[in-house]
N, C-alpha and C. Protein backbone atom coordinates (compact mmCIF):
# COMPACT_ATOMS: atom_id res chain seq x y z
N MET A 1 -6.41 -7.05 -31.47
CA MET A 1 -6.13 -6.04 -30.46
C MET A 1 -7.34 -5.93 -29.53
N ASN A 2 -7.07 -5.95 -28.21
CA ASN A 2 -8.12 -5.81 -27.21
C ASN A 2 -8.21 -4.36 -26.76
N ILE A 3 -9.40 -3.84 -26.72
CA ILE A 3 -9.62 -2.48 -26.22
C ILE A 3 -10.57 -2.58 -25.03
N PHE A 4 -10.16 -1.98 -23.92
CA PHE A 4 -10.99 -1.99 -22.72
C PHE A 4 -11.48 -0.58 -22.45
N TRP A 5 -12.77 -0.46 -22.17
CA TRP A 5 -13.37 0.83 -21.86
C TRP A 5 -13.74 0.85 -20.39
N TRP A 6 -13.43 1.93 -19.73
CA TRP A 6 -13.75 2.10 -18.31
C TRP A 6 -14.76 3.22 -18.17
N ARG A 7 -15.70 3.03 -17.25
CA ARG A 7 -16.63 4.12 -16.96
C ARG A 7 -15.87 5.24 -16.27
N LYS A 8 -16.29 6.46 -16.49
CA LYS A 8 -15.58 7.62 -15.96
C LYS A 8 -15.45 7.58 -14.44
N ASN A 9 -16.48 7.16 -13.74
CA ASN A 9 -16.48 7.20 -12.28
C ASN A 9 -15.85 5.97 -11.63
N LYS A 10 -15.48 5.01 -12.42
CA LYS A 10 -14.94 3.78 -11.85
C LYS A 10 -13.50 3.60 -12.32
N PRO A 11 -12.54 3.60 -11.36
CA PRO A 11 -11.16 3.42 -11.78
C PRO A 11 -10.90 2.00 -12.23
N PRO A 12 -9.91 1.80 -13.10
CA PRO A 12 -9.59 0.44 -13.52
C PRO A 12 -9.06 -0.35 -12.33
N PRO A 13 -9.28 -1.65 -12.30
CA PRO A 13 -8.78 -2.45 -11.18
C PRO A 13 -7.26 -2.44 -11.15
N LEU A 14 -6.71 -2.52 -9.94
CA LEU A 14 -5.26 -2.59 -9.80
C LEU A 14 -4.78 -3.95 -10.27
N LEU A 15 -3.65 -3.97 -10.91
CA LEU A 15 -3.10 -5.21 -11.43
C LEU A 15 -2.08 -5.77 -10.46
N THR A 16 -2.54 -6.19 -9.29
CA THR A 16 -1.64 -6.71 -8.28
C THR A 16 -1.60 -8.23 -8.35
N VAL A 17 -0.47 -8.74 -7.95
CA VAL A 17 -0.33 -10.18 -7.82
C VAL A 17 -0.40 -10.48 -6.34
N GLY A 18 -1.33 -11.30 -5.95
CA GLY A 18 -1.50 -11.62 -4.54
C GLY A 18 -2.72 -10.91 -3.98
N LYS A 19 -3.02 -11.27 -2.77
CA LYS A 19 -4.27 -10.80 -2.15
C LYS A 19 -4.00 -10.11 -0.82
N VAL A 20 -5.06 -9.44 -0.33
CA VAL A 20 -4.98 -8.66 0.90
C VAL A 20 -5.59 -9.45 2.05
N LEU A 21 -4.84 -9.61 3.12
CA LEU A 21 -5.33 -10.19 4.37
C LEU A 21 -5.70 -9.03 5.28
N ILE A 22 -6.96 -9.00 5.75
CA ILE A 22 -7.43 -7.92 6.61
C ILE A 22 -7.56 -8.43 8.04
N LEU A 23 -6.88 -7.74 8.97
CA LEU A 23 -6.92 -8.07 10.39
C LEU A 23 -7.49 -6.88 11.15
N VAL A 24 -8.65 -7.06 11.81
CA VAL A 24 -9.32 -5.97 12.50
C VAL A 24 -9.29 -6.20 14.01
N ASP A 25 -8.73 -5.23 14.73
CA ASP A 25 -8.78 -5.21 16.20
C ASP A 25 -10.08 -4.50 16.56
N TRP A 26 -11.13 -5.28 16.85
CA TRP A 26 -12.47 -4.72 17.00
C TRP A 26 -12.56 -3.64 18.08
N ASP A 27 -12.03 -3.91 19.27
CA ASP A 27 -12.15 -2.92 20.34
C ASP A 27 -11.47 -1.61 19.96
N ASN A 28 -10.30 -1.67 19.33
CA ASN A 28 -9.61 -0.45 18.91
C ASN A 28 -10.47 0.29 17.88
N LEU A 29 -11.03 -0.44 16.93
CA LEU A 29 -11.87 0.18 15.91
C LEU A 29 -13.12 0.78 16.52
N PHE A 30 -13.87 -0.01 17.28
CA PHE A 30 -15.16 0.45 17.78
C PHE A 30 -15.03 1.60 18.78
N TYR A 31 -14.19 1.43 19.80
CA TYR A 31 -14.11 2.47 20.83
C TYR A 31 -13.51 3.77 20.29
N SER A 32 -12.58 3.67 19.36
CA SER A 32 -12.02 4.89 18.76
C SER A 32 -13.07 5.64 17.96
N LEU A 33 -13.83 4.91 17.15
CA LEU A 33 -14.88 5.56 16.37
C LEU A 33 -16.01 6.07 17.26
N PHE A 34 -16.33 5.32 18.31
CA PHE A 34 -17.38 5.77 19.23
C PHE A 34 -16.96 7.05 19.95
N ASP A 35 -15.69 7.12 20.35
CA ASP A 35 -15.18 8.35 20.98
C ASP A 35 -15.30 9.54 20.02
N ALA A 36 -15.08 9.30 18.75
CA ALA A 36 -15.12 10.37 17.76
C ALA A 36 -16.54 10.76 17.34
N PHE A 37 -17.44 9.76 17.24
CA PHE A 37 -18.76 10.02 16.66
C PHE A 37 -19.93 9.77 17.60
N GLY A 38 -19.71 9.11 18.72
CA GLY A 38 -20.82 8.77 19.61
C GLY A 38 -21.78 7.83 18.92
N VAL A 39 -23.08 8.05 19.17
CA VAL A 39 -24.08 7.15 18.60
C VAL A 39 -24.23 7.31 17.09
N GLU A 40 -23.63 8.33 16.52
CA GLU A 40 -23.68 8.56 15.06
C GLU A 40 -22.54 7.82 14.34
N ILE A 41 -22.03 6.79 14.93
CA ILE A 41 -20.85 6.07 14.44
C ILE A 41 -21.08 5.45 13.05
N ASN A 42 -22.26 4.93 12.76
CA ASN A 42 -22.62 4.33 11.48
C ASN A 42 -21.61 3.24 11.07
N LEU A 43 -21.56 2.17 11.85
CA LEU A 43 -20.61 1.08 11.62
C LEU A 43 -20.75 0.43 10.25
N ASP A 44 -21.98 0.18 9.83
CA ASP A 44 -22.17 -0.46 8.51
C ASP A 44 -21.51 0.35 7.41
N TYR A 45 -21.73 1.65 7.42
CA TYR A 45 -21.17 2.53 6.40
C TYR A 45 -19.64 2.48 6.44
N ARG A 46 -19.04 2.56 7.61
CA ARG A 46 -17.58 2.58 7.73
C ARG A 46 -16.96 1.25 7.33
N LEU A 47 -17.59 0.14 7.70
CA LEU A 47 -17.08 -1.18 7.30
C LEU A 47 -17.18 -1.36 5.79
N GLU A 48 -18.29 -0.88 5.22
CA GLU A 48 -18.46 -0.95 3.77
C GLU A 48 -17.38 -0.12 3.07
N LYS A 49 -17.12 1.09 3.55
CA LYS A 49 -16.11 1.97 2.94
C LYS A 49 -14.71 1.39 3.11
N LEU A 50 -14.45 0.76 4.24
CA LEU A 50 -13.16 0.11 4.47
C LEU A 50 -12.91 -0.95 3.39
N MET A 51 -13.89 -1.82 3.19
CA MET A 51 -13.74 -2.89 2.19
C MET A 51 -13.62 -2.31 0.78
N GLU A 52 -14.41 -1.30 0.50
CA GLU A 52 -14.38 -0.66 -0.81
C GLU A 52 -13.01 -0.04 -1.09
N TRP A 53 -12.45 0.64 -0.10
CA TRP A 53 -11.13 1.27 -0.27
C TRP A 53 -10.06 0.21 -0.52
N ILE A 54 -10.09 -0.87 0.23
CA ILE A 54 -9.09 -1.92 0.05
C ILE A 54 -9.19 -2.50 -1.36
N LYS A 55 -10.40 -2.81 -1.81
CA LYS A 55 -10.58 -3.39 -3.15
C LYS A 55 -10.14 -2.43 -4.25
N THR A 56 -10.40 -1.13 -4.05
CA THR A 56 -10.08 -0.14 -5.07
C THR A 56 -8.61 0.27 -5.05
N GLU A 57 -8.08 0.51 -3.87
CA GLU A 57 -6.74 1.08 -3.73
C GLU A 57 -5.62 0.06 -3.52
N ILE A 58 -5.94 -1.09 -2.96
CA ILE A 58 -4.89 -2.06 -2.63
C ILE A 58 -4.96 -3.29 -3.53
N GLY A 59 -6.08 -4.00 -3.51
CA GLY A 59 -6.19 -5.19 -4.34
C GLY A 59 -7.29 -6.12 -3.86
N GLU A 60 -7.30 -7.31 -4.42
CA GLU A 60 -8.32 -8.31 -4.11
C GLU A 60 -8.15 -8.82 -2.68
N ILE A 61 -9.26 -8.99 -1.99
CA ILE A 61 -9.25 -9.43 -0.60
C ILE A 61 -9.22 -10.95 -0.55
N LEU A 62 -8.35 -11.50 0.28
CA LEU A 62 -8.20 -12.94 0.43
C LEU A 62 -9.54 -13.56 0.83
N GLY A 63 -10.06 -14.45 0.00
CA GLY A 63 -11.32 -15.11 0.29
C GLY A 63 -12.51 -14.17 0.31
N ASP A 64 -12.33 -12.95 -0.17
CA ASP A 64 -13.37 -11.91 -0.17
C ASP A 64 -13.90 -11.62 1.23
N LYS A 65 -13.11 -11.90 2.25
CA LYS A 65 -13.51 -11.68 3.64
C LYS A 65 -12.36 -11.08 4.43
N GLY A 66 -12.70 -10.25 5.39
CA GLY A 66 -11.73 -9.78 6.37
C GLY A 66 -11.92 -10.58 7.64
N PHE A 67 -11.01 -10.42 8.59
CA PHE A 67 -11.09 -11.14 9.86
C PHE A 67 -11.18 -10.12 11.00
N VAL A 68 -12.25 -10.22 11.79
CA VAL A 68 -12.45 -9.36 12.96
C VAL A 68 -12.13 -10.18 14.19
N PHE A 69 -11.23 -9.66 15.01
CA PHE A 69 -10.84 -10.30 16.27
C PHE A 69 -11.47 -9.50 17.39
N ALA A 70 -12.29 -10.16 18.20
CA ALA A 70 -13.06 -9.44 19.21
C ALA A 70 -13.12 -10.24 20.51
N PRO A 71 -13.31 -9.53 21.62
CA PRO A 71 -13.50 -10.23 22.89
C PRO A 71 -14.90 -10.85 22.95
N GLU A 72 -15.10 -11.66 23.98
CA GLU A 72 -16.37 -12.38 24.12
C GLU A 72 -17.58 -11.46 24.27
N HIS A 73 -17.37 -10.24 24.72
CA HIS A 73 -18.51 -9.34 24.95
C HIS A 73 -18.99 -8.62 23.69
N LEU A 74 -18.55 -9.04 22.52
CA LEU A 74 -18.99 -8.42 21.26
C LEU A 74 -20.52 -8.55 21.15
N SER A 75 -21.18 -7.44 20.96
CA SER A 75 -22.65 -7.45 20.96
C SER A 75 -23.19 -8.12 19.70
N PRO A 76 -24.38 -8.69 19.78
CA PRO A 76 -25.00 -9.31 18.59
C PRO A 76 -25.18 -8.31 17.45
N LEU A 77 -25.45 -7.05 17.76
CA LEU A 77 -25.60 -6.03 16.73
C LEU A 77 -24.28 -5.83 15.97
N HIS A 78 -23.17 -5.80 16.69
CA HIS A 78 -21.86 -5.65 16.06
C HIS A 78 -21.48 -6.91 15.28
N GLN A 79 -21.83 -8.07 15.82
CA GLN A 79 -21.59 -9.32 15.10
C GLN A 79 -22.30 -9.29 13.75
N GLN A 80 -23.55 -8.86 13.76
CA GLN A 80 -24.34 -8.79 12.54
C GLN A 80 -23.72 -7.81 11.54
N ALA A 81 -23.27 -6.66 12.01
CA ALA A 81 -22.63 -5.67 11.12
C ALA A 81 -21.39 -6.25 10.47
N CYS A 82 -20.62 -6.99 11.23
CA CYS A 82 -19.40 -7.61 10.68
C CYS A 82 -19.74 -8.65 9.61
N VAL A 83 -20.64 -9.53 9.93
CA VAL A 83 -21.00 -10.61 9.00
C VAL A 83 -21.61 -10.03 7.72
N GLU A 84 -22.48 -9.03 7.86
CA GLU A 84 -23.12 -8.44 6.68
C GLU A 84 -22.13 -7.70 5.78
N ASN A 85 -20.97 -7.34 6.32
CA ASN A 85 -19.96 -6.63 5.53
C ASN A 85 -18.76 -7.52 5.19
N ASN A 86 -19.00 -8.83 5.13
CA ASN A 86 -18.00 -9.82 4.70
C ASN A 86 -16.80 -9.95 5.62
N PHE A 87 -17.04 -9.98 6.92
CA PHE A 87 -15.98 -10.24 7.88
C PHE A 87 -16.27 -11.53 8.61
N LYS A 88 -15.24 -12.32 8.80
CA LYS A 88 -15.34 -13.52 9.64
C LYS A 88 -14.98 -13.10 11.05
N LEU A 89 -15.73 -13.59 12.03
CA LEU A 89 -15.50 -13.25 13.43
C LEU A 89 -14.61 -14.29 14.09
N ILE A 90 -13.62 -13.82 14.80
CA ILE A 90 -12.80 -14.69 15.63
C ILE A 90 -12.90 -14.14 17.04
N ILE A 91 -13.62 -14.88 17.90
CA ILE A 91 -13.84 -14.45 19.27
C ILE A 91 -12.68 -14.95 20.13
N CYS A 92 -12.09 -14.03 20.88
CA CYS A 92 -10.90 -14.32 21.67
C CYS A 92 -11.26 -14.28 23.16
N PRO A 93 -11.33 -15.45 23.80
CA PRO A 93 -11.72 -15.48 25.22
C PRO A 93 -10.61 -14.92 26.11
N LYS A 94 -11.02 -14.44 27.27
CA LYS A 94 -10.03 -13.97 28.24
C LYS A 94 -9.31 -15.17 28.84
N ARG A 95 -8.07 -14.94 29.29
CA ARG A 95 -7.26 -15.98 29.92
C ARG A 95 -7.18 -15.69 31.41
N ASP A 96 -7.39 -16.70 32.23
CA ASP A 96 -7.26 -16.54 33.68
C ASP A 96 -5.79 -16.50 34.07
N VAL A 97 -5.45 -15.55 34.92
CA VAL A 97 -4.10 -15.47 35.49
C VAL A 97 -4.25 -15.81 36.97
N ARG A 98 -3.53 -16.82 37.40
CA ARG A 98 -3.66 -17.32 38.78
C ARG A 98 -2.33 -17.22 39.51
N ASP A 99 -2.42 -17.13 40.82
CA ASP A 99 -1.20 -17.12 41.64
C ASP A 99 -0.76 -18.56 41.88
N GLU A 100 0.29 -18.72 42.68
CA GLU A 100 0.84 -20.06 42.92
C GLU A 100 -0.13 -20.99 43.65
N GLN A 101 -1.06 -20.42 44.38
CA GLN A 101 -2.06 -21.24 45.09
C GLN A 101 -3.28 -21.53 44.21
N GLY A 102 -3.28 -21.04 43.00
CA GLY A 102 -4.37 -21.30 42.08
C GLY A 102 -5.51 -20.29 42.16
N ARG A 103 -5.32 -19.23 42.95
CA ARG A 103 -6.36 -18.21 43.07
C ARG A 103 -6.32 -17.28 41.85
N LEU A 104 -7.49 -16.93 41.40
CA LEU A 104 -7.62 -16.03 40.26
C LEU A 104 -7.15 -14.63 40.65
N ILE A 105 -6.17 -14.11 39.89
CA ILE A 105 -5.67 -12.76 40.13
C ILE A 105 -6.39 -11.78 39.20
N LYS A 106 -6.46 -12.16 37.93
CA LYS A 106 -7.12 -11.30 36.94
C LYS A 106 -7.37 -12.10 35.68
N GLU A 107 -8.11 -11.48 34.77
CA GLU A 107 -8.32 -12.05 33.45
C GLU A 107 -7.60 -11.17 32.44
N GLU A 108 -6.90 -11.81 31.50
CA GLU A 108 -6.16 -11.07 30.47
C GLU A 108 -6.87 -11.17 29.13
N ASP A 109 -6.86 -10.05 28.42
CA ASP A 109 -7.39 -9.99 27.06
C ASP A 109 -6.43 -10.74 26.14
N THR A 110 -6.96 -11.51 25.19
CA THR A 110 -6.10 -12.27 24.27
C THR A 110 -6.25 -11.82 22.82
N VAL A 111 -6.97 -10.72 22.57
CA VAL A 111 -7.22 -10.29 21.20
C VAL A 111 -5.92 -9.97 20.46
N ASP A 112 -5.08 -9.10 21.03
CA ASP A 112 -3.86 -8.68 20.34
C ASP A 112 -2.95 -9.87 20.03
N GLU A 113 -2.75 -10.75 21.00
CA GLU A 113 -1.86 -11.88 20.76
C GLU A 113 -2.44 -12.85 19.72
N THR A 114 -3.76 -12.95 19.66
CA THR A 114 -4.39 -13.81 18.65
C THR A 114 -4.22 -13.21 17.26
N ILE A 115 -4.37 -11.88 17.14
CA ILE A 115 -4.15 -11.22 15.85
C ILE A 115 -2.71 -11.43 15.40
N ILE A 116 -1.76 -11.27 16.31
CA ILE A 116 -0.34 -11.44 15.97
C ILE A 116 -0.08 -12.88 15.53
N TRP A 117 -0.58 -13.83 16.28
CA TRP A 117 -0.39 -15.24 15.92
C TRP A 117 -0.98 -15.54 14.54
N PHE A 118 -2.21 -15.10 14.32
CA PHE A 118 -2.89 -15.35 13.05
C PHE A 118 -2.16 -14.65 11.90
N GLY A 119 -1.74 -13.40 12.13
CA GLY A 119 -0.99 -12.67 11.10
C GLY A 119 0.32 -13.35 10.75
N GLN A 120 1.04 -13.84 11.76
CA GLN A 120 2.31 -14.55 11.51
C GLN A 120 2.09 -15.82 10.71
N MET A 121 1.01 -16.51 11.01
CA MET A 121 0.71 -17.73 10.27
C MET A 121 0.31 -17.40 8.82
N MET A 122 -0.56 -16.41 8.66
CA MET A 122 -1.11 -16.11 7.34
C MET A 122 -0.13 -15.38 6.42
N MET A 123 0.86 -14.70 6.96
CA MET A 123 1.82 -14.03 6.08
C MET A 123 2.63 -15.03 5.27
N ARG A 124 2.58 -16.28 5.67
CA ARG A 124 3.26 -17.35 4.94
C ARG A 124 2.37 -17.96 3.86
N HIS A 125 1.10 -17.58 3.83
CA HIS A 125 0.15 -18.10 2.83
C HIS A 125 0.62 -17.66 1.45
N GLN A 126 0.60 -18.57 0.50
CA GLN A 126 1.15 -18.28 -0.83
C GLN A 126 0.43 -17.17 -1.57
N ASP A 127 -0.83 -16.90 -1.26
CA ASP A 127 -1.57 -15.86 -1.98
C ASP A 127 -1.48 -14.48 -1.33
N VAL A 128 -1.05 -14.41 -0.09
CA VAL A 128 -1.05 -13.13 0.64
C VAL A 128 0.15 -12.29 0.23
N ARG A 129 -0.14 -11.07 -0.27
CA ARG A 129 0.91 -10.11 -0.63
C ARG A 129 0.78 -8.80 0.14
N PHE A 130 -0.36 -8.64 0.86
CA PHE A 130 -0.58 -7.44 1.67
C PHE A 130 -1.22 -7.86 2.99
N ILE A 131 -0.76 -7.29 4.09
CA ILE A 131 -1.45 -7.43 5.37
C ILE A 131 -1.97 -6.05 5.73
N CYS A 132 -3.29 -5.99 5.91
CA CYS A 132 -3.96 -4.74 6.25
C CYS A 132 -4.40 -4.82 7.70
N LEU A 133 -3.83 -3.98 8.54
CA LEU A 133 -4.17 -3.93 9.96
C LEU A 133 -5.12 -2.78 10.21
N VAL A 134 -6.26 -3.07 10.81
CA VAL A 134 -7.23 -2.05 11.18
C VAL A 134 -7.11 -1.87 12.69
N SER A 135 -6.21 -0.98 13.07
CA SER A 135 -5.91 -0.69 14.47
C SER A 135 -4.86 0.41 14.50
N GLY A 136 -4.69 1.00 15.66
CA GLY A 136 -3.62 1.98 15.82
C GLY A 136 -2.71 1.60 16.96
N ASP A 137 -2.82 0.37 17.43
CA ASP A 137 -2.15 -0.12 18.62
C ASP A 137 -0.70 -0.54 18.30
N ASP A 138 0.25 0.04 19.03
CA ASP A 138 1.67 -0.30 18.84
C ASP A 138 2.02 -1.72 19.23
N ASP A 139 1.10 -2.45 19.85
CA ASP A 139 1.37 -3.86 20.16
C ASP A 139 1.62 -4.66 18.88
N PHE A 140 1.21 -4.11 17.73
CA PHE A 140 1.37 -4.82 16.46
C PHE A 140 2.65 -4.45 15.71
N VAL A 141 3.47 -3.61 16.30
CA VAL A 141 4.74 -3.22 15.65
C VAL A 141 5.61 -4.45 15.35
N PRO A 142 5.79 -5.39 16.29
CA PRO A 142 6.61 -6.58 15.96
C PRO A 142 6.07 -7.36 14.76
N LEU A 143 4.75 -7.47 14.64
CA LEU A 143 4.17 -8.15 13.48
C LEU A 143 4.50 -7.38 12.21
N PHE A 144 4.32 -6.07 12.22
CA PHE A 144 4.61 -5.25 11.04
C PHE A 144 6.10 -5.26 10.69
N GLU A 145 6.97 -5.41 11.68
CA GLU A 145 8.41 -5.48 11.41
C GLU A 145 8.79 -6.80 10.76
N GLU A 146 8.06 -7.86 11.07
CA GLU A 146 8.35 -9.20 10.55
C GLU A 146 7.84 -9.42 9.12
N VAL A 147 6.78 -8.73 8.76
CA VAL A 147 6.08 -8.95 7.49
C VAL A 147 6.98 -8.91 6.25
N PRO A 148 7.88 -7.92 6.09
CA PRO A 148 8.67 -7.84 4.85
C PRO A 148 9.55 -9.06 4.58
N LYS A 149 9.92 -9.81 5.61
CA LYS A 149 10.74 -11.01 5.41
C LYS A 149 10.05 -12.03 4.50
N TYR A 150 8.72 -11.92 4.38
CA TYR A 150 7.94 -12.87 3.58
C TYR A 150 7.46 -12.25 2.27
N GLY A 151 8.00 -11.09 1.93
CA GLY A 151 7.62 -10.43 0.69
C GLY A 151 6.23 -9.83 0.72
N VAL A 152 5.74 -9.56 1.92
CA VAL A 152 4.39 -9.04 2.11
C VAL A 152 4.48 -7.55 2.41
N LYS A 153 3.56 -6.77 1.86
CA LYS A 153 3.50 -5.31 2.08
C LYS A 153 2.53 -4.99 3.21
N ARG A 154 2.78 -3.88 3.90
CA ARG A 154 1.99 -3.48 5.07
C ARG A 154 1.05 -2.33 4.75
N VAL A 155 -0.23 -2.52 5.12
CA VAL A 155 -1.28 -1.52 4.94
C VAL A 155 -1.84 -1.21 6.32
N LEU A 156 -2.12 0.07 6.58
CA LEU A 156 -2.64 0.45 7.89
C LEU A 156 -3.93 1.26 7.74
N ILE A 157 -4.93 0.88 8.53
CA ILE A 157 -6.18 1.64 8.61
C ILE A 157 -6.47 1.91 10.08
N PRO A 158 -5.90 3.01 10.62
CA PRO A 158 -6.25 3.36 11.99
C PRO A 158 -7.66 3.96 11.99
N PRO A 159 -8.49 3.62 12.98
CA PRO A 159 -9.84 4.16 13.02
C PRO A 159 -9.86 5.69 13.10
N THR A 160 -8.97 6.26 13.91
CA THR A 160 -8.86 7.71 14.05
C THR A 160 -7.40 8.04 14.36
N ILE A 161 -7.03 9.30 14.25
CA ILE A 161 -5.66 9.69 14.62
C ILE A 161 -5.45 9.43 16.11
N GLY A 162 -6.51 9.59 16.91
CA GLY A 162 -6.42 9.34 18.34
C GLY A 162 -6.25 7.88 18.71
N SER A 163 -6.57 6.96 17.78
CA SER A 163 -6.42 5.54 18.07
C SER A 163 -4.98 5.07 17.93
N LEU A 164 -4.14 5.90 17.32
CA LEU A 164 -2.73 5.55 17.18
C LEU A 164 -2.02 5.72 18.52
N SER A 165 -1.14 4.79 18.84
CA SER A 165 -0.33 4.93 20.05
C SER A 165 0.53 6.18 19.91
N LYS A 166 0.96 6.74 21.03
CA LYS A 166 1.70 8.01 21.01
C LYS A 166 2.93 7.99 20.13
N SER A 167 3.62 6.87 20.06
CA SER A 167 4.85 6.80 19.26
C SER A 167 4.56 6.81 17.75
N LYS A 168 3.35 6.44 17.37
CA LYS A 168 2.95 6.36 15.96
C LYS A 168 3.92 5.50 15.13
N ALA A 169 4.48 4.48 15.79
CA ALA A 169 5.46 3.61 15.14
C ALA A 169 4.87 2.86 13.95
N LEU A 170 3.60 2.51 14.01
CA LEU A 170 3.00 1.77 12.90
C LEU A 170 3.04 2.57 11.60
N ILE A 171 2.86 3.89 11.70
CA ILE A 171 2.86 4.73 10.49
C ILE A 171 4.20 4.67 9.79
N ARG A 172 5.28 4.62 10.54
CA ARG A 172 6.62 4.56 9.93
C ARG A 172 6.86 3.24 9.18
N LEU A 173 6.07 2.23 9.50
CA LEU A 173 6.27 0.91 8.90
C LEU A 173 5.39 0.64 7.68
N ILE A 174 4.50 1.55 7.33
CA ILE A 174 3.61 1.35 6.18
C ILE A 174 4.43 1.34 4.89
N ASP A 175 4.04 0.46 3.99
CA ASP A 175 4.72 0.38 2.69
C ASP A 175 3.99 1.21 1.64
N LYS A 176 4.69 1.45 0.54
CA LYS A 176 4.07 2.07 -0.63
C LYS A 176 3.53 0.96 -1.52
N HIS A 177 2.42 1.24 -2.18
CA HIS A 177 1.84 0.25 -3.09
C HIS A 177 2.78 0.06 -4.27
N PRO A 178 3.08 -1.18 -4.65
CA PRO A 178 4.02 -1.42 -5.74
C PRO A 178 3.57 -0.90 -7.10
N MET A 179 2.26 -0.70 -7.29
CA MET A 179 1.77 -0.22 -8.58
C MET A 179 1.58 1.29 -8.62
N THR A 180 1.22 1.89 -7.48
CA THR A 180 0.90 3.32 -7.47
C THR A 180 1.95 4.17 -6.77
N ASP A 181 2.84 3.54 -6.01
CA ASP A 181 3.88 4.22 -5.24
C ASP A 181 3.29 5.17 -4.18
N LYS A 182 2.04 4.91 -3.75
CA LYS A 182 1.42 5.70 -2.69
C LYS A 182 1.46 4.93 -1.38
N LYS A 183 1.67 5.66 -0.27
CA LYS A 183 1.61 5.03 1.06
C LYS A 183 0.23 4.43 1.25
N MET A 184 0.17 3.22 1.79
CA MET A 184 -1.09 2.49 1.94
C MET A 184 -1.67 2.73 3.33
N ILE A 185 -2.37 3.85 3.48
CA ILE A 185 -3.01 4.19 4.76
C ILE A 185 -4.34 4.88 4.50
N LEU A 186 -5.31 4.57 5.35
CA LEU A 186 -6.63 5.21 5.32
C LEU A 186 -7.03 5.50 6.75
N MET A 187 -7.40 6.75 7.02
CA MET A 187 -7.95 7.10 8.32
C MET A 187 -9.46 6.84 8.23
N LEU A 188 -9.94 5.86 8.97
CA LEU A 188 -11.33 5.41 8.81
C LEU A 188 -12.34 6.49 9.20
N ASP A 189 -11.97 7.38 10.09
CA ASP A 189 -12.90 8.44 10.47
C ASP A 189 -13.05 9.51 9.39
N GLN A 190 -12.23 9.44 8.36
CA GLN A 190 -12.28 10.42 7.28
C GLN A 190 -13.14 10.00 6.10
N VAL A 191 -13.70 8.77 6.16
CA VAL A 191 -14.53 8.31 5.04
C VAL A 191 -15.99 8.65 5.28
């Protein structure tokens, strides 16, 4: 007979099958937290707590790393904070939009579409059982609607209540954890 002892302050690990894919919309995360906290944002602390909550409440993280999707203007200080907290950086360059004569009209951000593309590809990965989105942007509703077709559960970590789009459609799409029956959501400004 095997007997396992747990320390009082440390919960037993969740017995989940499969791993958590973390997708971070950097601009949504950073600007929302900056609006809420200003220079007292403490990014290292919040990124550390984000990873800790996922490991404790959801399950093992795929490759022990999350993925941060950011525009080219991501500062070296933010890059360092991401890397030190086990996030891989995916820099998304702007796309030129030109008229019929080839003149530049504007530059488009490609972060959201890159997150969607990457999420659609990775939800088919044999080890992924949870997709954790760190954003409040409704642009990701189609991705969250598609996820259950692959047997994957949806986790949401909006940086703040203010970072959620007005419709709050993402919240309606969050799944309950199969082991705890709790909705899988964390408001990052509350940690």
